[in-house]
Amino acid sequence: MDENYYADFSQAPLNVPEAEPEPLTASEELQAVVTETLKKLQGRSFSQRHPELGKMVNCQVCKTRHRTSERKCEQVFTYRVGDYELYRRDAKGDLVPDYRTSMRPDEKPTKRQVVGTAAFKGKRLRPHPSKFNLQLVQRTRSIFLGFGYSVEDKIPTEKAELEKFEKDLKRARVLAARQIRRERELSDREIRRRQDQSRRINQGLL
């Protein structure tokens, strides 16, 4: 080995120029741009990813939910309410149309007209009866009439008759609930039997 090898190596310059990377091809540049764009879009919401569609809003004018770019709802005021034409006097005392929403001049506005419908969203104060409750009422009425009562009969006022009336009504309600429950159990059992038979047919066991 040459004796001046280490000496020449120690005297070599420290700032060695780095090798230039090979230029990317057109497909690699395109893939890099696509990857960078996907990273930027990943954290955005749907309306930010699709600004041309617009944002979803709860419109207080048409009382529906739609996009801002779908239609522009504007509240239109009129001085005609039905067959009435409403006017008011301005500062000069002249009669000018009194623009307002559709409300009768002599009627008190409802709470929804004043505050808006969105403030009262939730459960009904008087909820509609369910399908089971409607069926229970109908079956209870038919059983109760079968005890000898009539639709035209009034609720008795005497204590003994009132106790018998309430006892029969409670008994009719219990029998109606049992009948409906039994019918539903038989219906569910028939559905399960058909499902089991269909699975056996599909598996080739029948």
C-alpha atoms as a PDB file:
ATOM      1  CA  MET A   1       0.000   0.000   0.000  1.00  0.00           C
ATOM      2  CA  ASP A   2       1.197   3.474  -0.784  1.00  0.00           C
ATOM      3  CA  GLU A   3       2.614   5.298   2.282  1.00  0.00           C
ATOM      4  CA  ASN A   4       1.112   8.636   1.156  1.00  0.00           C
ATOM      5  CA  TYR A   5      -2.413   7.139   1.043  1.00  0.00           C
ATOM      6  CA  TYR A   6      -3.507   8.341   4.495  1.00  0.00           C
ATOM      7  CA  ALA A   7      -1.687  11.638   4.058  1.00  0.00           C
ATOM      8  CA  ASP A   8      -3.485  12.330   0.807  1.00  0.00           C
ATOM      9  CA  PHE A   9      -6.798  11.249   2.412  1.00  0.00           C
ATOM     10  CA  SER A  10      -6.351  13.611   5.390  1.00  0.00           C
ATOM     11  CA  GLN A  11      -5.617  16.467   3.059  1.00  0.00           C
ATOM     12  CA  ALA A  12      -8.760  15.796   0.974  1.00  0.00           C
ATOM     13  CA  PRO A  13     -11.458  18.558   1.054  1.00  0.00           C
ATOM     14  CA  LEU A  14     -14.327  17.979   3.514  1.00  0.00           C
ATOM     15  CA  ASN A  15     -17.098  19.611   1.459  1.00  0.00           C
ATOM     16  CA  VAL A  16     -17.666  16.874  -1.042  1.00  0.00           C
ATOM     17  CA  PRO A  17     -20.506  17.851  -3.447  1.00  0.00           C
ATOM     18  CA  GLU A  18     -23.571  15.632  -3.120  1.00  0.00           C
ATOM     19  CA  ALA A  19     -24.721  13.627  -6.036  1.00  0.00           C
ATOM     20  CA  GLU A  20     -27.724  15.134  -7.790  1.00  0.00           C
ATOM     21  CA  PRO A  21     -30.867  12.922  -7.679  1.00  0.00           C
ATOM     22  CA  GLU A  22     -32.095  11.500 -10.857  1.00  0.00           C
ATOM     23  CA  PRO A  23     -34.941  13.539 -12.382  1.00  0.00           C
ATOM     24  CA  LEU A  24     -38.407  12.085 -11.943  1.00  0.00           C
ATOM     25  CA  THR A  25     -40.278  10.795 -14.894  1.00  0.00           C
ATOM     26  CA  ALA A  26     -43.634  12.244 -15.956  1.00  0.00           C
ATOM     27  CA  SER A  27     -45.615   9.403 -14.342  1.00  0.00           C
ATOM     28  CA  GLU A  28     -43.727   9.712 -11.049  1.00  0.00           C
ATOM     29  CA  GLU A  29     -44.277  13.488 -10.959  1.00  0.00           C
ATOM     30  CA  LEU A  30     -47.975  12.981 -11.578  1.00  0.00           C
ATOM     31  CA  GLN A  31     -48.171  10.355  -8.823  1.00  0.00           C
ATOM     32  CA  ALA A  32     -46.415  12.688  -6.377  1.00  0.00           C
ATOM     33  CA  VAL A  33     -48.863  15.494  -7.145  1.00  0.00           C
ATOM     34  CA  VAL A  34     -51.835  13.144  -6.718  1.00  0.00           C
ATOM     35  CA  THR A  35     -50.508  11.854  -3.374  1.00  0.00           C
ATOM     36  CA  GLU A  36     -49.947  15.370  -2.066  1.00  0.00           C
ATOM     37  CA  THR A  37     -53.428  16.461  -3.145  1.00  0.00           C
ATOM     38  CA  LEU A  38     -55.067  13.445  -1.482  1.00  0.00           C
ATOM     39  CA  LYS A  39     -53.268  14.235   1.790  1.00  0.00           C
ATOM     40  CA  LYS A  40     -54.645  17.781   1.706  1.00  0.00           C
ATOM     41  CA  LEU A  41     -58.203  16.606   0.956  1.00  0.00           C
ATOM     42  CA  GLN A  42     -58.234  13.859   3.576  1.00  0.00           C
ATOM     43  CA  GLY A  43     -59.047  16.115   6.520  1.00  0.00           C
ATOM     44  CA  ARG A  44     -61.670  18.226   4.786  1.00  0.00           C
ATOM     45  CA  SER A  45     -65.443  17.895   5.166  1.00  0.00           C
ATOM     46  CA  PHE A  46     -67.757  16.963   2.312  1.00  0.00           C
ATOM     47  CA  SER A  47     -68.716  20.586   1.632  1.00  0.00           C
ATOM     48  CA  GLN A  48     -65.025  21.571   1.607  1.00  0.00           C
ATOM     49  CA  ARG A  49     -64.165  18.760  -0.796  1.00  0.00           C
ATOM     50  CA  HIS A  50     -67.067  19.754  -3.067  1.00  0.00           C
ATOM     51  CA  PRO A  51     -67.408  23.538  -2.858  1.00  0.00           C
ATOM     52  CA  GLU A  52     -69.483  23.592  -6.028  1.00  0.00           C
ATOM     53  CA  LEU A  53     -72.345  21.823  -4.219  1.00  0.00           C
ATOM     54  CA  GLY A  54     -72.560  24.287  -1.346  1.00  0.00           C
ATOM     55  CA  LYS A  55     -73.196  23.767   2.359  1.00  0.00           C
ATOM     56  CA  MET A  56     -76.257  22.076   3.846  1.00  0.00           C
ATOM     57  CA  VAL A  57     -78.437  24.466   5.851  1.00  0.00           C
ATOM     58  CA  ASN A  58     -81.696  24.257   7.786  1.00  0.00           C
ATOM     59  CA  CYS A  59     -83.659  26.870   5.859  1.00  0.00           C
ATOM     60  CA  GLN A  60     -85.957  28.915   8.097  1.00  0.00           C
ATOM     61  CA  VAL A  61     -87.886  30.260   5.096  1.00  0.00           C
ATOM     62  CA  CYS A  62     -89.032  27.080   3.354  1.00  0.00           C
ATOM     63  CA  LYS A  63     -88.686  24.961   6.545  1.00  0.00           C
ATOM     64  CA  THR A  64     -86.648  22.287   4.733  1.00  0.00           C
ATOM     65  CA  ARG A  65     -83.008  21.194   4.645  1.00  0.00           C
ATOM     66  CA  HIS A  66     -81.196  21.860   1.385  1.00  0.00           C
ATOM     67  CA  ARG A  67     -77.897  23.137  -0.017  1.00  0.00           C
ATOM     68  CA  THR A  68     -77.158  26.809  -0.398  1.00  0.00           C
ATOM     69  CA  SER A  69     -76.419  26.397  -4.107  1.00  0.00           C
ATOM     70  CA  GLU A  70     -79.632  24.421  -4.731  1.00  0.00           C
ATOM     71  CA  ARG A  71     -81.972  27.408  -4.350  1.00  0.00           C
ATOM     72  CA  LYS A  72     -82.019  30.777  -2.675  1.00  0.00           C
ATOM     73  CA  CYS A  73     -85.032  31.167  -0.408  1.00  0.00           C
ATOM     74  CA  GLU A  74     -86.081  34.702   0.394  1.00  0.00           C
ATOM     75  CA  GLN A  75     -88.849  35.691   2.765  1.00  0.00           C
ATOM     76  CA  VAL A  76     -91.544  37.550   0.838  1.00  0.00           C
ATOM     77  CA  PHE A  77     -93.746  40.019   2.673  1.00  0.00           C
ATOM     78  CA  THR A  78     -97.139  41.200   1.501  1.00  0.00           C
ATOM     79  CA  TYR A  79     -99.791  43.610   2.678  1.00  0.00           C
ATOM     80  CA  ARG A  80    -102.581  41.315   1.473  1.00  0.00           C
ATOM     81  CA  VAL A  81    -103.796  38.618   3.873  1.00  0.00           C
ATOM     82  CA  GLY A  82    -106.612  36.694   2.256  1.00  0.00           C
ATOM     83  CA  ASP A  83    -109.253  39.244   1.313  1.00  0.00           C
ATOM     84  CA  TYR A  84    -107.740  41.961   3.527  1.00  0.00           C
ATOM     85  CA  GLU A  85    -105.447  44.800   2.514  1.00  0.00           C
ATOM     86  CA  LEU A  86    -103.446  46.147   5.450  1.00  0.00           C
ATOM     87  CA  TYR A  87    -102.245  49.725   5.626  1.00  0.00           C
ATOM     88  CA  ARG A  88    -100.556  51.856   8.273  1.00  0.00           C
ATOM     89  CA  ARG A  89     -99.766  55.526   8.676  1.00  0.00           C
ATOM     90  CA  ASP A  90     -96.171  56.618   8.328  1.00  0.00           C
ATOM     91  CA  ALA A  91     -94.468  59.515  10.100  1.00  0.00           C
ATOM     92  CA  LYS A  92     -96.135  61.997   7.769  1.00  0.00           C
ATOM     93  CA  GLY A  93     -99.573  60.526   8.406  1.00  0.00           C
ATOM     94  CA  ASP A  94     -99.982  59.045   4.950  1.00  0.00           C
ATOM     95  CA  LEU A  95    -101.395  55.549   4.449  1.00  0.00           C
ATOM     96  CA  VAL A  96     -98.781  53.086   3.251  1.00  0.00           C
ATOM     97  CA  PRO A  97     -99.000  49.282   2.805  1.00  0.00           C
ATOM     98  CA  ASP A  98     -98.308  47.414   6.026  1.00  0.00           C
ATOM     99  CA  TYR A  99     -96.080  44.566   4.885  1.00  0.00           C
ATOM    100  CA  ARG A 100     -96.175  41.465   7.074  1.00  0.00           C
ATOM    101  CA  THR A 101     -96.418  37.719   6.923  1.00  0.00           C
ATOM    102  CA  SER A 102     -99.669  35.843   6.440  1.00  0.00           C
ATOM    103  CA  MET A 103    -101.574  36.526   9.660  1.00  0.00           C
ATOM    104  CA  ARG A 104    -105.073  37.840  10.168  1.00  0.00           C
ATOM    105  CA  PRO A 105    -105.145  41.363  11.614  1.00  0.00           C
ATOM    106  CA  ASP A 106    -107.630  40.489  14.377  1.00  0.00           C
ATOM    107  CA  GLU A 107    -106.103  37.130  15.333  1.00  0.00           C
ATOM    108  CA  LYS A 108    -103.383  36.540  17.886  1.00  0.00           C
ATOM    109  CA  PRO A 109    -100.310  34.894  16.282  1.00  0.00           C
ATOM    110  CA  THR A 110     -99.325  31.446  17.464  1.00  0.00           C
ATOM    111  CA  LYS A 111     -96.107  30.742  19.309  1.00  0.00           C
ATOM    112  CA  ARG A 112     -94.637  29.101  16.196  1.00  0.00           C
ATOM    113  CA  GLN A 113     -95.378  32.184  14.119  1.00  0.00           C
ATOM    114  CA  VAL A 114     -93.602  34.374  16.649  1.00  0.00           C
ATOM    115  CA  VAL A 115     -90.606  32.222  17.647  1.00  0.00           C
ATOM    116  CA  GLY A 116     -90.425  29.732  14.796  1.00  0.00           C
ATOM    117  CA  THR A 117     -91.077  26.028  14.460  1.00  0.00           C
ATOM    118  CA  ALA A 118     -87.476  24.971  15.154  1.00  0.00           C
ATOM    119  CA  ALA A 119     -87.772  26.065  18.799  1.00  0.00           C
ATOM    120  CA  PHE A 120     -90.474  23.452  19.476  1.00  0.00           C
ATOM    121  CA  LYS A 121     -88.828  20.479  17.810  1.00  0.00           C
ATOM    122  CA  GLY A 122     -89.074  17.292  19.868  1.00  0.00           C
ATOM    123  CA  LYS A 123     -91.672  14.907  21.240  1.00  0.00           C
ATOM    124  CA  ARG A 124     -95.352  15.623  20.826  1.00  0.00           C
ATOM    125  CA  LEU A 125     -97.328  16.873  23.798  1.00  0.00           C
ATOM    126  CA  ARG A 126    -100.121  14.489  22.793  1.00  0.00           C
ATOM    127  CA  PRO A 127     -98.375  11.675  20.870  1.00  0.00           C
ATOM    128  CA  HIS A 128    -100.341   9.646  18.368  1.00  0.00           C
ATOM    129  CA  PRO A 129    -101.335   6.178  19.595  1.00  0.00           C
ATOM    130  CA  SER A 130     -99.212   3.353  18.298  1.00  0.00           C
ATOM    131  CA  LYS A 131    -100.464   0.474  16.177  1.00  0.00           C
ATOM    132  CA  PHE A 132    -100.573  -1.808  19.225  1.00  0.00           C
ATOM    133  CA  ASN A 133    -102.538   0.709  21.314  1.00  0.00           C
ATOM    134  CA  LEU A 134    -105.072   1.219  18.537  1.00  0.00           C
ATOM    135  CA  GLN A 135    -105.513  -2.531  18.243  1.00  0.00           C
ATOM    136  CA  LEU A 136    -105.800  -2.829  22.026  1.00  0.00           C
ATOM    137  CA  VAL A 137    -108.555  -0.203  22.179  1.00  0.00           C
ATOM    138  CA  GLN A 138    -110.512  -1.870  19.383  1.00  0.00           C
ATOM    139  CA  ARG A 139    -110.213  -5.345  20.918  1.00  0.00           C
ATOM    140  CA  THR A 140    -111.059  -4.054  24.411  1.00  0.00           C
ATOM    141  CA  ARG A 141    -114.195  -2.382  23.073  1.00  0.00           C
ATOM    142  CA  SER A 142    -115.393  -5.542  21.333  1.00  0.00           C
ATOM    143  CA  ILE A 143    -114.788  -7.700  24.441  1.00  0.00           C
ATOM    144  CA  PHE A 144    -116.383  -5.106  26.716  1.00  0.00           C
ATOM    145  CA  LEU A 145    -119.487  -5.002  24.529  1.00  0.00           C
ATOM    146  CA  GLY A 146    -119.564  -8.792  24.723  1.00  0.00           C
ATOM    147  CA  PHE A 147    -120.120  -8.522  28.495  1.00  0.00           C
ATOM    148  CA  GLY A 148    -123.583  -7.073  27.832  1.00  0.00           C
ATOM    149  CA  TYR A 149    -122.773  -3.376  27.751  1.00  0.00           C
ATOM    150  CA  SER A 150    -123.825  -1.049  24.952  1.00  0.00           C
ATOM    151  CA  VAL A 151    -122.226   1.948  23.306  1.00  0.00           C
ATOM    152  CA  GLU A 152    -125.156   4.141  24.322  1.00  0.00           C
ATOM    153  CA  ASP A 153    -124.815   3.189  28.004  1.00  0.00           C
ATOM    154  CA  LYS A 154    -123.547   5.992  30.221  1.00  0.00           C
ATOM    155  CA  ILE A 155    -121.038   5.541  33.018  1.00  0.00           C
ATOM    156  CA  PRO A 156    -123.015   4.635  36.145  1.00  0.00           C
ATOM    157  CA  THR A 157    -122.999   6.982  39.089  1.00  0.00           C
ATOM    158  CA  GLU A 158    -123.880   4.584  41.874  1.00  0.00           C
ATOM    159  CA  LYS A 159    -120.935   3.129  43.749  1.00  0.00           C
ATOM    160  CA  ALA A 160    -121.798  -0.546  43.302  1.00  0.00           C
ATOM    161  CA  GLU A 161    -122.539  -0.219  39.587  1.00  0.00           C
ATOM    162  CA  LEU A 162    -119.467   1.956  39.044  1.00  0.00           C
ATOM    163  CA  GLU A 163    -117.212  -0.627  40.711  1.00  0.00           C
ATOM    164  CA  LYS A 164    -118.692  -3.387  38.529  1.00  0.00           C
ATOM    165  CA  PHE A 165    -118.278  -1.192  35.432  1.00  0.00           C
ATOM    166  CA  GLU A 166    -114.596  -0.475  36.174  1.00  0.00           C
ATOM    167  CA  LYS A 167    -113.944  -4.120  37.052  1.00  0.00           C
ATOM    168  CA  ASP A 168    -115.443  -5.350  33.760  1.00  0.00           C
ATOM    169  CA  LEU A 169    -113.536  -2.708  31.794  1.00  0.00           C
ATOM    170  CA  LYS A 170    -110.247  -3.698  33.418  1.00  0.00           C
ATOM    171  CA  ARG A 171    -111.020  -7.377  32.788  1.00  0.00           C
ATOM    172  CA  ALA A 172    -111.773  -6.653  29.112  1.00  0.00           C
ATOM    173  CA  ARG A 173    -108.472  -4.796  28.755  1.00  0.00           C
ATOM    174  CA  VAL A 174    -106.535  -7.721  30.257  1.00  0.00           C
ATOM    175  CA  LEU A 175    -108.242 -10.243  27.976  1.00  0.00           C
ATOM    176  CA  ALA A 176    -107.625  -8.047  24.924  1.00  0.00           C
ATOM    177  CA  ALA A 177    -103.916  -7.715  25.749  1.00  0.00           C
ATOM    178  CA  ARG A 178    -103.613 -11.490  26.192  1.00  0.00           C
ATOM    179  CA  GLN A 179    -105.314 -12.192  22.874  1.00  0.00           C
ATOM    180  CA  ILE A 180    -103.123  -9.751  20.966  1.00  0.00           C
ATOM    181  CA  ARG A 181     -99.976 -11.076  22.633  1.00  0.00           C
ATOM    182  CA  ARG A 182    -100.952 -14.673  21.805  1.00  0.00           C
ATOM    183  CA  GLU A 183    -101.649 -13.774  18.160  1.00  0.00           C
ATOM    184  CA  ARG A 184     -98.269 -12.072  17.857  1.00  0.00           C
ATOM    185  CA  GLU A 185     -96.478 -15.044  19.387  1.00  0.00           C
ATOM    186  CA  LEU A 186     -98.120 -17.413  16.910  1.00  0.00           C
ATOM    187  CA  SER A 187     -97.285 -15.085  14.014  1.00  0.00           C
ATOM    188  CA  ASP A 188     -93.632 -14.820  15.083  1.00  0.00           C
ATOM    189  CA  ARG A 189     -93.462 -18.590  15.501  1.00  0.00           C
ATOM    190  CA  GLU A 190     -94.793 -19.121  11.980  1.00  0.00           C
ATOM    191  CA  ILE A 191     -92.254 -16.661  10.563  1.00  0.00           C
ATOM    192  CA  ARG A 192     -89.374 -18.410  12.346  1.00  0.00           C
ATOM    193  CA  ARG A 193     -90.594 -21.801  11.108  1.00  0.00           C
ATOM    194  CA  ARG A 194     -90.616 -20.562   7.509  1.00  0.00           C
ATOM    195  CA  GLN A 195     -87.144 -19.055   7.895  1.00  0.00           C
ATOM    196  CA  ASP A 196     -85.783 -22.308   9.282  1.00  0.00           C
ATOM    197  CA  GLN A 197     -87.368 -24.265   6.447  1.00  0.00           C
ATOM    198  CA  SER A 198     -85.904 -21.860   3.860  1.00  0.00           C
ATOM    199  CA  ARG A 199     -82.402 -22.256   5.339  1.00  0.00           C
ATOM    200  CA  ARG A 200     -82.729 -26.038   5.217  1.00  0.00           C
ATOM    201  CA  ILE A 201     -83.805 -25.871   1.566  1.00  0.00           C
ATOM    202  CA  ASN A 202     -80.898 -23.566   0.674  1.00  0.00           C
ATOM    203  CA  GLN A 203     -78.418 -25.880   2.424  1.00  0.00           C
ATOM    204  CA  GLY A 204     -79.787 -28.897   0.577  1.00  0.00           C
ATOM    205  CA  LEU A 205     -81.050 -30.633   3.704  1.00  0.00           C
ATOM    206  CA  LEU A 206     -84.613 -30.865   2.408  1.00  0.00           C
END
